[in-house]
């Protein structure tokens, strides 16, 4: 009996999301949220990768500069 209720709930939800304006707006809103979160995640990952690369470059150049000036 619970399975039937779950199936009816999902079919009702999908009918709502594809047939009524409220459902379409809700679907569009959630899709927008997913896209925005994906953009934020990818940008953050790109920024962290760039920061790590910059730290490596600084680490490679800075010790050599400090060694040559102190010696």
PDB file of N, CA and C in Angstrom:
ATOM      1  N   UNK A   1       0.822  -1.196   0.000  1.00  0.00           N
ATOM      2  CA  UNK A   1       0.000   0.000   0.000  1.00  0.00           C
ATOM      3  C   UNK A   1       0.871   1.267   0.000  1.00  0.00           C
ATOM      4  N   UNK A   2       2.006   1.225   0.727  1.00  0.00           N
ATOM      5  CA  UNK A   2       2.896   2.388   0.731  1.00  0.00           C
ATOM      6  C   UNK A   2       3.498   2.622  -0.650  1.00  0.00           C
ATOM      7  N   UNK A   3       3.809   1.514  -1.350  1.00  0.00           N
ATOM      8  CA  UNK A   3       4.364   1.659  -2.690  1.00  0.00           C
ATOM      9  C   UNK A   3       3.384   2.382  -3.612  1.00  0.00           C
ATOM     10  N   UNK A   4       2.110   2.029  -3.518  1.00  0.00           N
ATOM     11  CA  UNK A   4       1.099   2.674  -4.353  1.00  0.00           C
ATOM     12  C   UNK A   4       1.022   4.161  -4.038  1.00  0.00           C
ATOM     13  N   UNK A   5       1.060   4.508  -2.753  1.00  0.00           N
ATOM     14  CA  UNK A   5       1.022   5.919  -2.372  1.00  0.00           C
ATOM     15  C   UNK A   5       2.253   6.659  -2.888  1.00  0.00           C
ATOM     16  N   UNK A   6       3.424   6.029  -2.775  1.00  0.00           N
ATOM     17  CA  UNK A   6       4.641   6.665  -3.276  1.00  0.00           C
ATOM     18  C   UNK A   6       4.546   6.864  -4.784  1.00  0.00           C
ATOM     19  N   UNK A   7       4.072   5.846  -5.498  1.00  0.00           N
ATOM     20  CA  UNK A   7       3.975   5.949  -6.948  1.00  0.00           C
ATOM     21  C   UNK A   7       2.981   7.052  -7.321  1.00  0.00           C
ATOM     22  N   UNK A   8       1.850   7.099  -6.616  1.00  0.00           N
ATOM     23  CA  UNK A   8       0.875   8.152  -6.891  1.00  0.00           C
ATOM     24  C   UNK A   8       1.456   9.527  -6.585  1.00  0.00           C
ATOM     25  N   UNK A   9       2.222   9.615  -5.517  1.00  0.00           N
ATOM     26  CA  UNK A   9       2.851  10.893  -5.165  1.00  0.00           C
ATOM     27  C   UNK A   9       3.793  11.346  -6.274  1.00  0.00           C
ATOM     28  N   UNK A  10       4.629  10.412  -6.763  1.00  0.00           N
ATOM     29  CA  UNK A  10       5.585  10.795  -7.800  1.00  0.00           C
ATOM     30  C   UNK A  10       4.885  11.146  -9.101  1.00  0.00           C
ATOM     31  N   UNK A  11       3.867  10.363  -9.497  1.00  0.00           N
ATOM     32  CA  UNK A  11       3.168  10.694 -10.742  1.00  0.00           C
ATOM     33  C   UNK A  11       2.432  12.015 -10.597  1.00  0.00           C
ATOM     34  N   UNK A  12       1.857  12.266  -9.419  1.00  0.00           N
ATOM     35  CA  UNK A  12       1.195  13.550  -9.190  1.00  0.00           C
ATOM     36  C   UNK A  12       2.216  14.677  -9.256  1.00  0.00           C
ATOM     37  N   UNK A  13       3.385  14.460  -8.666  1.00  0.00           N
ATOM     38  CA  UNK A  13       4.418  15.497  -8.686  1.00  0.00           C
ATOM     39  C   UNK A  13       4.875  15.777 -10.110  1.00  0.00           C
ATOM     40  N   UNK A  14       5.103  14.706 -10.892  1.00  0.00           N
ATOM     41  CA  UNK A  14       5.572  14.914 -12.260  1.00  0.00           C
ATOM     42  C   UNK A  14       4.486  15.533 -13.125  1.00  0.00           C
ATOM     43  N   UNK A  15       3.217  15.145 -12.909  1.00  0.00           N
ATOM     44  CA  UNK A  15       2.128  15.795 -13.638  1.00  0.00           C
ATOM     45  C   UNK A  15       2.084  17.276 -13.279  1.00  0.00           C
ATOM     46  N   UNK A  16       2.273  17.569 -12.003  1.00  0.00           N
ATOM     47  CA  UNK A  16       2.289  18.962 -11.560  1.00  0.00           C
ATOM     48  C   UNK A  16       3.438  19.707 -12.223  1.00  0.00           C
ATOM     49  N   UNK A  17       4.616  19.073 -12.255  1.00  0.00           N
ATOM     50  CA  UNK A  17       5.789  19.789 -12.740  1.00  0.00           C
ATOM     51  C   UNK A  17       5.767  19.986 -14.251  1.00  0.00           C
ATOM     52  N   UNK A  18       5.037  19.159 -14.987  1.00  0.00           N
ATOM     53  CA  UNK A  18       5.056  19.322 -16.438  1.00  0.00           C
ATOM     54  C   UNK A  18       3.784  19.936 -17.003  1.00  0.00           C
ATOM     55  N   UNK A  19       2.705  19.958 -16.232  1.00  0.00           N
ATOM     56  CA  UNK A  19       1.452  20.432 -16.825  1.00  0.00           C
ATOM     57  C   UNK A  19       1.020  21.802 -16.319  1.00  0.00           C
ATOM     58  N   UNK A  20       1.322  22.143 -15.063  1.00  0.00           N
ATOM     59  CA  UNK A  20       0.838  23.421 -14.535  1.00  0.00           C
ATOM     60  C   UNK A  20       1.944  24.463 -14.547  1.00  0.00           C
ATOM     61  N   UNK A  21       1.548  25.711 -14.526  1.00  0.00           N
ATOM     62  CA  UNK A  21       2.517  26.816 -14.525  1.00  0.00           C
ATOM     63  C   UNK A  21       3.333  26.799 -13.238  1.00  0.00           C
ATOM     64  N   UNK A  22       2.672  26.541 -12.117  1.00  0.00           N
ATOM     65  CA  UNK A  22       3.384  26.509 -10.833  1.00  0.00           C
ATOM     66  C   UNK A  22       4.462  25.427 -10.856  1.00  0.00           C
ATOM     67  N   UNK A  23       4.126  24.279 -11.410  1.00  0.00           N
ATOM     68  CA  UNK A  23       5.091  23.189 -11.499  1.00  0.00           C
ATOM     69  C   UNK A  23       6.259  23.531 -12.393  1.00  0.00           C
ATOM     70  N   UNK A  24       5.959  24.191 -13.523  1.00  0.00           N
ATOM     71  CA  UNK A  24       7.037  24.579 -14.438  1.00  0.00           C
ATOM     72  C   UNK A  24       7.950  25.618 -13.802  1.00  0.00           C
ATOM     73  N   UNK A  25       7.358  26.557 -13.076  1.00  0.00           N
ATOM     74  CA  UNK A  25       8.169  27.571 -12.384  1.00  0.00           C
ATOM     75  C   UNK A  25       9.034  26.911 -11.317  1.00  0.00           C
ATOM     76  N   UNK A  26       8.444  25.962 -10.581  1.00  0.00           N
ATOM     77  CA  UNK A  26       9.209  25.247  -9.555  1.00  0.00           C
ATOM     78  C   UNK A  26      10.367  24.484 -10.186  1.00  0.00           C
ATOM     79  N   UNK A  27      10.090  23.789 -11.285  1.00  0.00           N
ATOM     80  CA  UNK A  27      11.129  23.034 -11.979  1.00  0.00           C
ATOM     81  C   UNK A  27      12.226  23.973 -12.484  1.00  0.00           C
ATOM     82  N   UNK A  28      11.827  25.100 -13.071  1.00  0.00           N
ATOM     83  CA  UNK A  28      12.811  26.064 -13.568  1.00  0.00           C
ATOM     84  C   UNK A  28      13.649  26.626 -12.422  1.00  0.00           C
ATOM     85  N   UNK A  29      13.008  26.872 -11.285  1.00  0.00           N
ATOM     86  CA  UNK A  29      13.733  27.397 -10.125  1.00  0.00           C
ATOM     87  C   UNK A  29      14.785  26.400  -9.649  1.00  0.00           C
ATOM     88  N   UNK A  30      14.379  25.133  -9.517  1.00  0.00           N
ATOM     89  CA  UNK A  30      15.339  24.133  -9.045  1.00  0.00           C
ATOM     90  C   UNK A  30      16.458  23.911 -10.055  1.00  0.00           C
ATOM     91  N   UNK A  31      16.135  23.949 -11.343  1.00  0.00           N
ATOM     92  CA  UNK A  31      17.181  23.803 -12.350  1.00  0.00           C
ATOM     93  C   UNK A  31      18.149  24.985 -12.287  1.00  0.00           C
ATOM     94  N   UNK A  32      17.616  26.190 -12.054  1.00  0.00           N
ATOM     95  CA  UNK A  32      18.477  27.369 -11.917  1.00  0.00           C
ATOM     96  C   UNK A  32      19.397  27.231 -10.710  1.00  0.00           C
ATOM     97  N   UNK A  33      18.852  26.746  -9.603  1.00  0.00           N
ATOM     98  CA  UNK A  33      19.665  26.551  -8.397  1.00  0.00           C
ATOM     99  C   UNK A  33      20.780  25.550  -8.677  1.00  0.00           C
ATOM    100  N   UNK A  34      20.452  24.455  -9.364  1.00  0.00           N
ATOM    101  CA  UNK A  34      21.465  23.440  -9.670  1.00  0.00           C
ATOM    102  C   UNK A  34      22.552  24.029 -10.565  1.00  0.00           C
ATOM    103  N   UNK A  35      22.152  24.792 -11.574  1.00  0.00           N
ATOM    104  CA  UNK A  35      23.138  25.400 -12.474  1.00  0.00           C
ATOM    105  C   UNK A  35      24.024  26.389 -11.716  1.00  0.00           C
ATOM    106  N   UNK A  36      23.427  27.208 -10.858  1.00  0.00           N
ATOM    107  CA  UNK A  36      24.212  28.179 -10.093  1.00  0.00           C
ATOM    108  C   UNK A  36      25.196  27.483  -9.157  1.00  0.00           C
ATOM    109  N   UNK A  37      24.741  26.439  -8.479  1.00  0.00           N
ATOM    110  CA  UNK A  37      25.646  25.702  -7.591  1.00  0.00           C
ATOM    111  C   UNK A  37      26.781  25.064  -8.379  1.00  0.00           C
ATOM    112  N   UNK A  38      26.480  24.550  -9.581  1.00  0.00           N
ATOM    113  CA  UNK A  38      27.521  23.958 -10.421  1.00  0.00           C
ATOM    114  C   UNK A  38      28.540  25.017 -10.825  1.00  0.00           C
ATOM    115  N   UNK A  39      28.063  26.197 -11.207  1.00  0.00           N
ATOM    116  CA  UNK A  39      28.983  27.275 -11.590  1.00  0.00           C
ATOM    117  C   UNK A  39      29.863  27.679 -10.411  1.00  0.00           C
ATOM    118  N   UNK A  40      29.263  27.816  -9.233  1.00  0.00           N
ATOM    119  CA  UNK A  40      30.037  28.186  -8.042  1.00  0.00           C
ATOM    120  C   UNK A  40      31.070  27.115  -7.730  1.00  0.00           C
ATOM    121  N   UNK A  41      30.669  25.843  -7.806  1.00  0.00           N
ATOM    122  CA  UNK A  41      31.591  24.744  -7.509  1.00  0.00           C
ATOM    123  C   UNK A  41      32.750  24.724  -8.494  1.00  0.00           C
ATOM    124  N   UNK A  42      32.445  24.861  -9.789  1.00  0.00           N
ATOM    125  CA  UNK A  42      33.501  24.806 -10.796  1.00  0.00           C
ATOM    126  C   UNK A  42      34.441  26.010 -10.670  1.00  0.00           C
ATOM    127  N   UNK A  43      33.886  27.186 -10.391  1.00  0.00           N
ATOM    128  CA  UNK A  43      34.723  28.378 -10.221  1.00  0.00           C
ATOM    129  C   UNK A  43      35.626  28.226  -9.005  1.00  0.00           C
ATOM    130  N   UNK A  44      35.075  27.711  -7.917  1.00  0.00           N
ATOM    131  CA  UNK A  44      35.867  27.510  -6.706  1.00  0.00           C
ATOM    132  C   UNK A  44      36.987  26.512  -6.965  1.00  0.00           C
ATOM    133  N   UNK A  45      36.671  25.431  -7.692  1.00  0.00           N
ATOM    134  CA  UNK A  45      37.691  24.431  -7.999  1.00  0.00           C
ATOM    135  C   UNK A  45      38.783  25.039  -8.867  1.00  0.00           C
ATOM    136  N   UNK A  46      38.373  25.832  -9.873  1.00  0.00           N
ATOM    137  CA  UNK A  46      39.347  26.480 -10.750  1.00  0.00           C
ATOM    138  C   UNK A  46      40.219  27.445  -9.950  1.00  0.00           C
ATOM    139  N   UNK A  47      39.591  28.229  -9.043  1.00  0.00           N
ATOM    140  CA  UNK A  47      40.336  29.196  -8.237  1.00  0.00           C
ATOM    141  C   UNK A  47      41.338  28.481  -7.342  1.00  0.00           C
ATOM    142  N   UNK A  48      40.917  27.378  -6.703  1.00  0.00           N
ATOM    143  CA  UNK A  48      41.836  26.629  -5.841  1.00  0.00           C
ATOM    144  C   UNK A  48      42.999  26.059  -6.643  1.00  0.00           C
ATOM    145  N   UNK A  49      42.716  25.576  -7.870  1.00  0.00           N
ATOM    146  CA  UNK A  49      43.785  25.030  -8.702  1.00  0.00           C
ATOM    147  C   UNK A  49      44.768  26.134  -9.077  1.00  0.00           C
ATOM    148  N   UNK A  50      44.262  27.304  -9.462  1.00  0.00           N
ATOM    149  CA  UNK A  50      45.132  28.423  -9.804  1.00  0.00           C
ATOM    150  C   UNK A  50      45.955  28.871  -8.601  1.00  0.00           C
ATOM    151  N   UNK A  51      45.328  28.917  -7.424  1.00  0.00           N
ATOM    152  CA  UNK A  51      46.030  29.326  -6.200  1.00  0.00           C
ATOM    153  C   UNK A  51      47.146  28.339  -5.878  1.00  0.00           C
ATOM    154  N   UNK A  52      46.868  27.043  -6.025  1.00  0.00           N
ATOM    155  CA  UNK A  52      47.891  26.035  -5.751  1.00  0.00           C
ATOM    156  C   UNK A  52      49.050  26.175  -6.734  1.00  0.00           C
ATOM    157  N   UNK A  53      48.723  26.435  -8.007  1.00  0.00           N
ATOM    158  CA  UNK A  53      49.773  26.610  -9.004  1.00  0.00           C
ATOM    159  C   UNK A  53      50.607  27.853  -8.676  1.00  0.00           C
ATOM    160  N   UNK A  54      49.957  28.913  -8.260  1.00  0.00           N
ATOM    161  CA  UNK A  54      50.668  30.139  -7.893  1.00  0.00           C
ATOM    162  C   UNK A  54      51.577  29.900  -6.691  1.00  0.00           C
ATOM    163  N   UNK A  55      51.092  29.155  -5.699  1.00  0.00           N
ATOM    164  CA  UNK A  55      51.911  28.849  -4.526  1.00  0.00           C
ATOM    165  C   UNK A  55      53.142  28.039  -4.910  1.00  0.00           C
ATOM    166  N   UNK A  56      52.978  27.118  -5.861  1.00  0.00           N
ATOM    167  CA  UNK A  56      54.124  26.318  -6.316  1.00  0.00           C
ATOM    168  C   UNK A  56      55.148  27.228  -6.988  1.00  0.00           C
ATOM    169  N   UNK A  57      54.670  28.136  -7.838  1.00  0.00           N
ATOM    170  CA  UNK A  57      55.591  29.050  -8.526  1.00  0.00           C
ATOM    171  C   UNK A  57      56.307  29.939  -7.510  1.00  0.00           C
ATOM    172  N   UNK A  58      55.576  30.470  -6.541  1.00  0.00           N
ATOM    173  CA  UNK A  58      56.193  31.306  -5.506  1.00  0.00           C
ATOM    174  C   UNK A  58      57.215  30.495  -4.716  1.00  0.00           C
ATOM    175  N   UNK A  59      56.873  29.265  -4.388  1.00  0.00           N
ATOM    176  CA  UNK A  59      57.786  28.412  -3.628  1.00  0.00           C
ATOM    177  C   UNK A  59      59.045  28.107  -4.434  1.00  0.00           C
ATOM    178  N   UNK A  60      58.899  27.934  -5.757  1.00  0.00           N
ATOM    179  CA  UNK A  60      60.062  27.621  -6.583  1.00  0.00           C
ATOM    180  C   UNK A  60      60.976  28.833  -6.748  1.00  0.00           C
ATOM    181  N   UNK A  61      60.403  30.027  -6.820  1.00  0.00           N
ATOM    182  CA  UNK A  61      61.233  31.206  -7.089  1.00  0.00           C
ATOM    183  C   UNK A  61      61.725  31.885  -5.819  1.00  0.00           C
ATOM    184  N   UNK A  62      60.932  31.894  -4.769  1.00  0.00           N
ATOM    185  CA  UNK A  62      61.272  32.673  -3.578  1.00  0.00           C
ATOM    186  C   UNK A  62      62.495  32.129  -2.822  1.00  0.00           C
ATOM    187  N   UNK A  63      62.599  30.837  -2.554  1.00  0.00           N
ATOM    188  CA  UNK A  63      63.782  30.361  -1.819  1.00  0.00           C
ATOM    189  C   UNK A  63      65.088  30.666  -2.554  1.00  0.00           C
ATOM    190  N   UNK A  64      65.081  30.552  -3.871  1.00  0.00           N
ATOM    191  CA  UNK A  64      66.281  30.841  -4.645  1.00  0.00           C
ATOM    192  C   UNK A  64      66.659  32.317  -4.491  1.00  0.00           C
ATOM    193  N   UNK A  65      65.692  33.175  -4.531  1.00  0.00           N
ATOM    194  CA  UNK A  65      65.937  34.613  -4.381  1.00  0.00           C
ATOM    195  C   UNK A  65      66.474  34.931  -2.975  1.00  0.00           C
ATOM    196  N   UNK A  66      65.904  34.295  -1.967  1.00  0.00           N
ATOM    197  CA  UNK A  66      66.361  34.543  -0.600  1.00  0.00           C
ATOM    198  C   UNK A  66      67.776  34.002  -0.396  1.00  0.00           C
ATOM    199  N   UNK A  67      68.067  32.849  -0.981  1.00  0.00           N
ATOM    200  CA  UNK A  67      69.404  32.265  -0.845  1.00  0.00           C
ATOM    201  C   UNK A  67      70.458  33.156  -1.497  1.00  0.00           C
ATOM    202  N   UNK A  68      70.154  33.668  -2.690  1.00  0.00           N
ATOM    203  CA  UNK A  68      71.157  34.471  -3.399  1.00  0.00           C
ATOM    204  C   UNK A  68      71.386  35.820  -2.707  1.00  0.00           C
ATOM    205  N   UNK A  69      70.329  36.399  -2.094  1.00  0.00           N
ATOM    206  CA  UNK A  69      70.509  37.701  -1.453  1.00  0.00           C
ATOM    207  C   UNK A  69      71.189  37.564  -0.089  1.00  0.00           C
ATOM    208  N   UNK A  70      70.954  36.451   0.617  1.00  0.00           N
ATOM    209  CA  UNK A  70      71.541  36.305   1.952  1.00  0.00           C
ATOM    210  C   UNK A  70      72.987  35.821   1.884  1.00  0.00           C
ATOM    211  N   UNK A  71      73.364  35.158   0.800  1.00  0.00           N
ATOM    212  CA  UNK A  71      74.722  34.613   0.709  1.00  0.00           C
ATOM    213  C   UNK A  71      75.741  35.641   0.272  1.00  0.00           C
TER     214      UNK A  71
END
